Full PDB file with SEQRES, HELIX, SHEET, SSBOND, CRYST1, ORIGX, SCALE, CONECT and MASTER records, all heavy atoms in Angstrom:
SEQRES   1 A   33  ASP PRO PRO LEU ASN LEU VAL GLY ASP TYR GLY GLY GLY          
SEQRES   2 A   33  ALA LEU TYR LEU ALA PHE GLY LEU LEU ALA GLY VAL PHE          
SEQRES   3 A   33  GLU ALA GLN ARG SER GLY LYS                                  
HELIX    1 AA1 LEU A    6  ALA A   14  3                                   9    
HELIX    2 AA2 LEU A   15  SER A   31  1                                  17    
CRYST1    1.000    1.000    1.000  90.00  90.00  90.00 P 1           1          
ORIGX1      1.000000  0.000000  0.000000        0.00000                         
ORIGX2      0.000000  1.000000  0.000000        0.00000                         
ORIGX3      0.000000  0.000000  1.000000        0.00000                         
SCALE1      1.000000  0.000000  0.000000        0.00000                         
SCALE2      0.000000  1.000000  0.000000        0.00000                         
SCALE3      0.000000  0.000000  1.000000        0.00000                         
ATOM      1  N   ASP A   1       0.845  -1.189  -0.046  1.00  0.00           N  
ATOM      2  CA  ASP A   1      -0.027  -0.007  -0.040  1.00  0.00           C  
ATOM      3  C   ASP A   1       0.921   1.279  -0.010  1.00  0.00           C  
ATOM      4  O   ASP A   1       1.678   1.445   0.846  1.00  0.00           O  
ATOM      5  CB  ASP A   1      -0.903   0.033   1.234  1.00  0.00           C  
ATOM      6  CG  ASP A   1      -1.993  -1.021   1.190  1.00  0.00           C  
ATOM      7  OD1 ASP A   1      -2.436  -1.436   0.136  1.00  0.00           O  
ATOM      8  OD2 ASP A   1      -2.433  -1.572   2.298  1.00  0.00           O  
ATOM      9  N   PRO A   2       0.639   2.197  -0.929  1.00  0.00           N  
ATOM     10  CA  PRO A   2       1.383   3.476  -0.897  1.00  0.00           C  
ATOM     11  C   PRO A   2       0.866   4.219   0.295  1.00  0.00           C  
ATOM     12  O   PRO A   2      -0.268   4.576   0.487  1.00  0.00           O  
ATOM     13  CB  PRO A   2       0.992   4.219  -2.246  1.00  0.00           C  
ATOM     14  CG  PRO A   2       0.537   3.036  -3.118  1.00  0.00           C  
ATOM     15  CD  PRO A   2      -0.162   2.092  -2.164  1.00  0.00           C  
ATOM     16  N   PRO A   3       1.834   4.507   1.198  1.00  0.00           N  
ATOM     17  CA  PRO A   3       1.461   5.237   2.421  1.00  0.00           C  
ATOM     18  C   PRO A   3       1.545   6.796   2.270  1.00  0.00           C  
ATOM     19  O   PRO A   3       2.222   7.455   2.957  1.00  0.00           O  
ATOM     20  CB  PRO A   3       2.531   4.905   3.448  1.00  0.00           C  
ATOM     21  CG  PRO A   3       3.841   4.766   2.477  1.00  0.00           C  
ATOM     22  CD  PRO A   3       3.266   4.204   1.109  1.00  0.00           C  
ATOM     23  N   LEU A   4       0.631   7.208   1.271  1.00  0.00           N  
ATOM     24  CA  LEU A   4       0.718   8.702   0.841  1.00  0.00           C  
ATOM     25  C   LEU A   4       2.196   9.071   0.521  1.00  0.00           C  
ATOM     26  O   LEU A   4       2.859   8.238   0.118  1.00  0.00           O  
ATOM     27  CB  LEU A   4       0.217   9.579   1.960  1.00  0.00           C  
ATOM     28  CG  LEU A   4      -1.366   9.340   2.414  1.00  0.00           C  
ATOM     29  CD1 LEU A   4      -1.774  10.276   3.339  1.00  0.00           C  
ATOM     30  CD2 LEU A   4      -2.273   9.406   1.213  1.00  0.00           C  
ATOM     31  N   ASN A   5       2.605  10.230   0.745  1.00  0.00           N  
ATOM     32  CA  ASN A   5       3.989  10.578   0.610  1.00  0.00           C  
ATOM     33  C   ASN A   5       4.687  10.845   1.931  1.00  0.00           C  
ATOM     34  O   ASN A   5       5.560  11.695   1.977  1.00  0.00           O  
ATOM     35  CB  ASN A   5       4.286  11.620  -0.432  1.00  0.00           C  
ATOM     36  CG  ASN A   5       3.733  12.936  -0.057  1.00  0.00           C  
ATOM     37  OD1 ASN A   5       2.786  12.970   0.717  1.00  0.00           O  
ATOM     38  ND2 ASN A   5       4.427  14.041  -0.447  1.00  0.00           N  
ATOM     39  N   LEU A   6       4.044  10.269   2.993  1.00  0.00           N  
ATOM     40  CA  LEU A   6       4.577  10.658   4.350  1.00  0.00           C  
ATOM     41  C   LEU A   6       5.958   9.978   4.726  1.00  0.00           C  
ATOM     42  O   LEU A   6       6.618  10.522   5.414  1.00  0.00           O  
ATOM     43  CB  LEU A   6       3.674  10.058   5.411  1.00  0.00           C  
ATOM     44  CG  LEU A   6       2.235  10.821   5.292  1.00  0.00           C  
ATOM     45  CD1 LEU A   6       1.247  10.028   6.276  1.00  0.00           C  
ATOM     46  CD2 LEU A   6       2.292  12.245   5.529  1.00  0.00           C  
ATOM     47  N   VAL A   7       6.202   8.822   4.097  1.00  0.00           N  
ATOM     48  CA  VAL A   7       7.322   8.090   4.528  1.00  0.00           C  
ATOM     49  C   VAL A   7       8.635   8.477   3.726  1.00  0.00           C  
ATOM     50  O   VAL A   7       9.602   8.784   4.476  1.00  0.00           O  
ATOM     51  CB  VAL A   7       7.164   6.527   4.223  1.00  0.00           C  
ATOM     52  CG1 VAL A   7       8.512   5.705   4.524  1.00  0.00           C  
ATOM     53  CG2 VAL A   7       6.036   6.046   5.142  1.00  0.00           C  
ATOM     54  N   GLY A   8       8.571   8.637   2.424  1.00  0.00           N  
ATOM     55  CA  GLY A   8       9.782   9.156   1.818  1.00  0.00           C  
ATOM     56  C   GLY A   8       9.773  10.607   1.702  1.00  0.00           C  
ATOM     57  O   GLY A   8      10.927  11.141   2.296  1.00  0.00           O  
ATOM     58  N   ASP A   9       8.974  11.359   1.128  1.00  0.00           N  
ATOM     59  CA  ASP A   9       9.074  12.738   1.076  1.00  0.00           C  
ATOM     60  C   ASP A   9       9.260  13.384   2.387  1.00  0.00           C  
ATOM     61  O   ASP A   9      10.131  14.293   2.611  1.00  0.00           O  
ATOM     62  CB  ASP A   9       7.856  13.366   0.322  1.00  0.00           C  
ATOM     63  CG  ASP A   9       7.848  13.301  -1.202  1.00  0.00           C  
ATOM     64  OD1 ASP A   9       8.919  12.880  -1.664  1.00  0.00           O  
ATOM     65  OD2 ASP A   9       6.921  13.757  -1.863  1.00  0.00           O  
ATOM     66  N   TYR A  10       8.290  13.039   3.277  1.00  0.00           N  
ATOM     67  CA  TYR A  10       8.379  13.865   4.531  1.00  0.00           C  
ATOM     68  C   TYR A  10       9.055  13.270   5.798  1.00  0.00           C  
ATOM     69  O   TYR A  10       9.762  13.850   6.520  1.00  0.00           O  
ATOM     70  CB  TYR A  10       6.903  14.097   4.918  1.00  0.00           C  
ATOM     71  CG  TYR A  10       6.145  15.014   3.981  1.00  0.00           C  
ATOM     72  CD1 TYR A  10       4.800  14.947   3.804  1.00  0.00           C  
ATOM     73  CD2 TYR A  10       6.889  15.844   3.143  1.00  0.00           C  
ATOM     74  CE1 TYR A  10       4.137  15.750   2.933  1.00  0.00           C  
ATOM     75  CE2 TYR A  10       6.327  16.702   2.384  1.00  0.00           C  
ATOM     76  CZ  TYR A  10       4.937  16.667   2.106  1.00  0.00           C  
ATOM     77  OH  TYR A  10       4.264  17.551   1.225  1.00  0.00           O  
ATOM     78  N   GLY A  11       8.949  11.928   5.938  1.00  0.00           N  
ATOM     79  CA  GLY A  11       9.718  11.255   7.012  1.00  0.00           C  
ATOM     80  C   GLY A  11      11.205  11.178   6.679  1.00  0.00           C  
ATOM     81  O   GLY A  11      12.133  11.662   7.373  1.00  0.00           O  
ATOM     82  N   GLY A  12      11.496  10.493   5.625  1.00  0.00           N  
ATOM     83  CA  GLY A  12      12.958  10.225   5.264  1.00  0.00           C  
ATOM     84  C   GLY A  12      13.547  11.449   4.527  1.00  0.00           C  
ATOM     85  O   GLY A  12      14.692  11.676   4.411  1.00  0.00           O  
ATOM     86  N   GLY A  13      12.656  12.430   4.097  1.00  0.00           N  
ATOM     87  CA  GLY A  13      13.167  13.670   3.438  1.00  0.00           C  
ATOM     88  C   GLY A  13      13.180  14.856   4.227  1.00  0.00           C  
ATOM     89  O   GLY A  13      14.205  15.190   4.690  1.00  0.00           O  
ATOM     90  N   ALA A  14      12.062  15.467   4.370  1.00  0.00           N  
ATOM     91  CA  ALA A  14      11.878  16.708   4.991  1.00  0.00           C  
ATOM     92  C   ALA A  14      12.464  16.763   6.428  1.00  0.00           C  
ATOM     93  O   ALA A  14      13.239  17.703   6.891  1.00  0.00           O  
ATOM     94  CB  ALA A  14      10.376  17.217   5.097  1.00  0.00           C  
ATOM     95  N   LEU A  15      12.074  15.797   7.296  1.00  0.00           N  
ATOM     96  CA  LEU A  15      12.537  15.745   8.553  1.00  0.00           C  
ATOM     97  C   LEU A  15      14.010  15.384   8.716  1.00  0.00           C  
ATOM     98  O   LEU A  15      14.806  16.066   9.511  1.00  0.00           O  
ATOM     99  CB  LEU A  15      11.781  14.634   9.357  1.00  0.00           C  
ATOM    100  CG  LEU A  15      10.211  14.906   9.505  1.00  0.00           C  
ATOM    101  CD1 LEU A  15       9.617  13.893  10.330  1.00  0.00           C  
ATOM    102  CD2 LEU A  15      10.036  16.318  10.104  1.00  0.00           C  
ATOM    103  N   TYR A  16      14.640  14.616   7.958  1.00  0.00           N  
ATOM    104  CA  TYR A  16      16.013  14.317   7.892  1.00  0.00           C  
ATOM    105  C   TYR A  16      16.904  15.548   7.432  1.00  0.00           C  
ATOM    106  O   TYR A  16      17.988  15.856   7.834  1.00  0.00           O  
ATOM    107  CB  TYR A  16      16.439  13.174   7.166  1.00  0.00           C  
ATOM    108  CG  TYR A  16      16.367  11.871   7.956  1.00  0.00           C  
ATOM    109  CD1 TYR A  16      15.143  11.268   8.228  1.00  0.00           C  
ATOM    110  CD2 TYR A  16      17.427  11.288   8.506  1.00  0.00           C  
ATOM    111  CE1 TYR A  16      14.993  10.124   9.006  1.00  0.00           C  
ATOM    112  CE2 TYR A  16      17.441  10.100   9.301  1.00  0.00           C  
ATOM    113  CZ  TYR A  16      16.172   9.533   9.458  1.00  0.00           C  
ATOM    114  OH  TYR A  16      16.073   8.398  10.251  1.00  0.00           O  
ATOM    115  N   LEU A  17      16.270  16.349   6.444  1.00  0.00           N  
ATOM    116  CA  LEU A  17      16.793  17.479   5.857  1.00  0.00           C  
ATOM    117  C   LEU A  17      16.913  18.558   7.115  1.00  0.00           C  
ATOM    118  O   LEU A  17      17.999  19.117   7.404  1.00  0.00           O  
ATOM    119  CB  LEU A  17      16.188  18.114   4.772  1.00  0.00           C  
ATOM    120  CG  LEU A  17      16.729  19.424   4.195  1.00  0.00           C  
ATOM    121  CD1 LEU A  17      18.126  19.343   3.857  1.00  0.00           C  
ATOM    122  CD2 LEU A  17      15.894  19.935   3.106  1.00  0.00           C  
ATOM    123  N   ALA A  18      15.818  18.759   7.822  1.00  0.00           N  
ATOM    124  CA  ALA A  18      15.834  19.669   8.945  1.00  0.00           C  
ATOM    125  C   ALA A  18      16.802  19.295   9.976  1.00  0.00           C  
ATOM    126  O   ALA A  18      17.586  20.163  10.452  1.00  0.00           O  
ATOM    127  CB  ALA A  18      14.303  19.815   9.536  1.00  0.00           C  
ATOM    128  N   PHE A  19      16.856  17.962  10.236  1.00  0.00           N  
ATOM    129  CA  PHE A  19      17.788  17.546  11.258  1.00  0.00           C  
ATOM    130  C   PHE A  19      19.209  17.823  10.944  1.00  0.00           C  
ATOM    131  O   PHE A  19      20.087  18.360  11.589  1.00  0.00           O  
ATOM    132  CB  PHE A  19      17.540  15.977  11.557  1.00  0.00           C  
ATOM    133  CG  PHE A  19      18.632  15.309  12.430  1.00  0.00           C  
ATOM    134  CD1 PHE A  19      18.765  15.735  13.666  1.00  0.00           C  
ATOM    135  CD2 PHE A  19      19.380  14.348  11.811  1.00  0.00           C  
ATOM    136  CE1 PHE A  19      19.611  14.989  14.512  1.00  0.00           C  
ATOM    137  CE2 PHE A  19      20.299  13.609  12.664  1.00  0.00           C  
ATOM    138  CZ  PHE A  19      20.421  14.145  13.957  1.00  0.00           C  
ATOM    139  N   GLY A  20      19.446  17.577   9.565  1.00  0.00           N  
ATOM    140  CA  GLY A  20      20.841  17.725   9.036  1.00  0.00           C  
ATOM    141  C   GLY A  20      21.260  19.231   9.111  1.00  0.00           C  
ATOM    142  O   GLY A  20      22.361  19.566   9.392  1.00  0.00           O  
ATOM    143  N   LEU A  21      20.254  20.053   8.698  1.00  0.00           N  
ATOM    144  CA  LEU A  21      20.607  21.473   8.597  1.00  0.00           C  
ATOM    145  C   LEU A  21      20.942  22.087  10.009  1.00  0.00           C  
ATOM    146  O   LEU A  21      21.944  22.811  10.102  1.00  0.00           O  
ATOM    147  CB  LEU A  21      19.446  22.220   7.990  1.00  0.00           C  
ATOM    148  CG  LEU A  21      19.201  21.899   6.528  1.00  0.00           C  
ATOM    149  CD1 LEU A  21      17.925  22.597   6.092  1.00  0.00           C  
ATOM    150  CD2 LEU A  21      20.355  22.381   5.636  1.00  0.00           C  
ATOM    151  N   LEU A  22      20.161  21.704  11.030  1.00  0.00           N  
ATOM    152  CA  LEU A  22      20.412  22.295  12.316  1.00  0.00           C  
ATOM    153  C   LEU A  22      21.620  21.673  12.877  1.00  0.00           C  
ATOM    154  O   LEU A  22      22.282  22.384  13.523  1.00  0.00           O  
ATOM    155  CB  LEU A  22      19.252  21.865  13.081  1.00  0.00           C  
ATOM    156  CG  LEU A  22      17.823  22.650  12.841  1.00  0.00           C  
ATOM    157  CD1 LEU A  22      16.712  22.256  13.681  1.00  0.00           C  
ATOM    158  CD2 LEU A  22      17.981  24.094  12.903  1.00  0.00           C  
ATOM    159  N   ALA A  23      21.908  20.451  12.586  1.00  0.00           N  
ATOM    160  CA  ALA A  23      23.222  19.830  12.980  1.00  0.00           C  
ATOM    161  C   ALA A  23      24.341  20.549  12.396  1.00  0.00           C  
ATOM    162  O   ALA A  23      25.366  20.920  12.969  1.00  0.00           O  
ATOM    163  CB  ALA A  23      23.354  18.360  12.594  1.00  0.00           C  
ATOM    164  N   GLY A  24      24.209  20.936  11.088  1.00  0.00           N  
ATOM    165  CA  GLY A  24      25.196  21.675  10.345  1.00  0.00           C  
ATOM    166  C   GLY A  24      25.437  23.119  10.810  1.00  0.00           C  
ATOM    167  O   GLY A  24      26.585  23.627  10.950  1.00  0.00           O  
ATOM    168  N   VAL A  25      24.343  23.756  11.136  1.00  0.00           N  
ATOM    169  CA  VAL A  25      24.404  25.128  11.800  1.00  0.00           C  
ATOM    170  C   VAL A  25      25.216  25.006  13.087  1.00  0.00           C  
ATOM    171  O   VAL A  25      26.101  25.869  13.469  1.00  0.00           O  
ATOM    172  CB  VAL A  25      23.075  25.705  11.948  1.00  0.00           C  
ATOM    173  CG1 VAL A  25      23.091  27.041  12.791  1.00  0.00           C  
ATOM    174  CG2 VAL A  25      22.452  26.073  10.586  1.00  0.00           C  
ATOM    175  N   PHE A  26      24.849  23.999  14.000  1.00  0.00           N  
ATOM    176  CA  PHE A  26      25.413  23.850  15.236  1.00  0.00           C  
ATOM    177  C   PHE A  26      26.998  23.696  15.085  1.00  0.00           C  
ATOM    178  O   PHE A  26      27.817  24.301  15.830  1.00  0.00           O  
ATOM    179  CB  PHE A  26      24.926  22.643  15.945  1.00  0.00           C  
ATOM    180  CG  PHE A  26      25.527  22.284  17.240  1.00  0.00           C  
ATOM    181  CD1 PHE A  26      25.211  23.136  18.472  1.00  0.00           C  
ATOM    182  CD2 PHE A  26      26.422  21.388  17.447  1.00  0.00           C  
ATOM    183  CE1 PHE A  26      25.691  22.883  19.624  1.00  0.00           C  
ATOM    184  CE2 PHE A  26      26.896  21.019  18.716  1.00  0.00           C  
ATOM    185  CZ  PHE A  26      26.625  21.760  19.771  1.00  0.00           C  
ATOM    186  N   GLU A  27      27.303  22.894  14.115  1.00  0.00           N  
ATOM    187  CA  GLU A  27      28.843  22.692  13.892  1.00  0.00           C  
ATOM    188  C   GLU A  27      29.445  23.891  13.294  1.00  0.00           C  
ATOM    189  O   GLU A  27      30.543  24.243  13.708  1.00  0.00           O  
ATOM    190  CB  GLU A  27      28.943  21.423  12.985  1.00  0.00           C  
ATOM    191  CG  GLU A  27      30.416  20.799  12.840  1.00  0.00           C  
ATOM    192  CD  GLU A  27      31.356  21.722  11.993  1.00  0.00           C  
ATOM    193  OE1 GLU A  27      30.889  22.381  11.020  1.00  0.00           O  
ATOM    194  OE2 GLU A  27      32.554  21.679  12.222  1.00  0.00           O  
ATOM    195  N   ALA A  28      28.807  24.537  12.511  1.00  0.00           N  
ATOM    196  CA  ALA A  28      29.357  25.811  11.843  1.00  0.00           C  
ATOM    197  C   ALA A  28      29.634  26.976  12.942  1.00  0.00           C  
ATOM    198  O   ALA A  28      30.557  27.702  12.789  1.00  0.00           O  
ATOM    199  CB  ALA A  28      28.443  26.307  10.755  1.00  0.00           C  
ATOM    200  N   GLN A  29      28.945  26.948  13.997  1.00  0.00           N  
ATOM    201  CA  GLN A  29      29.010  27.881  15.061  1.00  0.00           C  
ATOM    202  C   GLN A  29      30.329  27.634  15.801  1.00  0.00           C  
ATOM    203  O   GLN A  29      30.901  28.642  16.332  1.00  0.00           O  
ATOM    204  CB  GLN A  29      27.819  27.910  15.977  1.00  0.00           C  
ATOM    205  CG  GLN A  29      26.504  28.336  15.419  1.00  0.00           C  
ATOM    206  CD  GLN A  29      25.316  28.205  16.347  1.00  0.00           C  
ATOM    207  OE1 GLN A  29      25.454  27.263  17.188  1.00  0.00           O  
ATOM    208  NE2 GLN A  29      24.269  28.863  16.018  1.00  0.00           N  
ATOM    209  N   ARG A  30      30.878  26.444  15.746  1.00  0.00           N  
ATOM    210  CA  ARG A  30      32.107  26.095  16.435  1.00  0.00           C  
ATOM    211  C   ARG A  30      33.272  26.153  15.511  1.00  0.00           C  
ATOM    212  O   ARG A  30      34.247  26.700  15.766  1.00  0.00           O  
ATOM    213  CB  ARG A  30      32.073  24.804  16.996  1.00  0.00           C  
ATOM    214  CG  ARG A  30      31.092  24.677  18.120  1.00  0.00           C  
ATOM    215  CD  ARG A  30      30.942  23.269  18.772  1.00  0.00           C  
ATOM    216  NE  ARG A  30      30.226  22.470  17.667  1.00  0.00           N  
ATOM    217  CZ  ARG A  30      30.443  21.143  17.498  1.00  0.00           C  
ATOM    218  NH1 ARG A  30      31.523  20.521  18.212  1.00  0.00           N  
ATOM    219  NH2 ARG A  30      29.851  20.448  16.629  1.00  0.00           N  
ATOM    220  N   SER A  31      33.153  25.715  14.183  1.00  0.00           N  
ATOM    221  CA  SER A  31      34.296  25.586  13.317  1.00  0.00           C  
ATOM    222  C   SER A  31      34.391  26.882  12.393  1.00  0.00           C  
ATOM    223  O   SER A  31      35.364  27.192  11.882  1.00  0.00           O  
ATOM    224  CB  SER A  31      34.028  24.382  12.345  1.00  0.00           C  
ATOM    225  OG  SER A  31      32.925  24.646  11.501  1.00  0.00           O  
ATOM    226  N   GLY A  32      33.198  27.740  12.150  1.00  0.00           N  
ATOM    227  CA  GLY A  32      33.238  28.920  11.326  1.00  0.00           C  
ATOM    228  C   GLY A  32      33.152  28.512   9.879  1.00  0.00           C  
ATOM    229  O   GLY A  32      33.244  29.302   9.043  1.00  0.00           O  
ATOM    230  N   LYS A  33      32.945  27.167   9.650  1.00  0.00           N  
ATOM    231  CA  LYS A  33      32.843  26.675   8.193  1.00  0.00           C  
ATOM    232  C   LYS A  33      31.485  25.949   7.965  1.00  0.00           C  
ATOM    233  O   LYS A  33      31.036  25.097   8.858  1.00  0.00           O  
ATOM    234  CB  LYS A  33      33.947  25.765   7.858  1.00  0.00           C  
ATOM    235  CG  LYS A  33      35.314  26.557   7.884  1.00  0.00           C  
ATOM    236  CD  LYS A  33      36.471  25.471   7.419  1.00  0.00           C  
ATOM    237  CE  LYS A  33      37.770  26.306   7.520  1.00  0.00           C  
ATOM    238  NZ  LYS A  33      37.807  27.395   6.531  1.00  0.00           N  
TER     239      LYS A  33                                                      
MASTER        0    0    0    2    0    0    0    6  238    1    0    3          
END                                                                             
């Protein structure tokens, strides 16, 4: 059954992107890069 686009687009996509971006910003605050 296709689970709408909740699993790929939004679960594995949007939420992982948000998590990655905030982790990247946190690291950039320390490294400057």
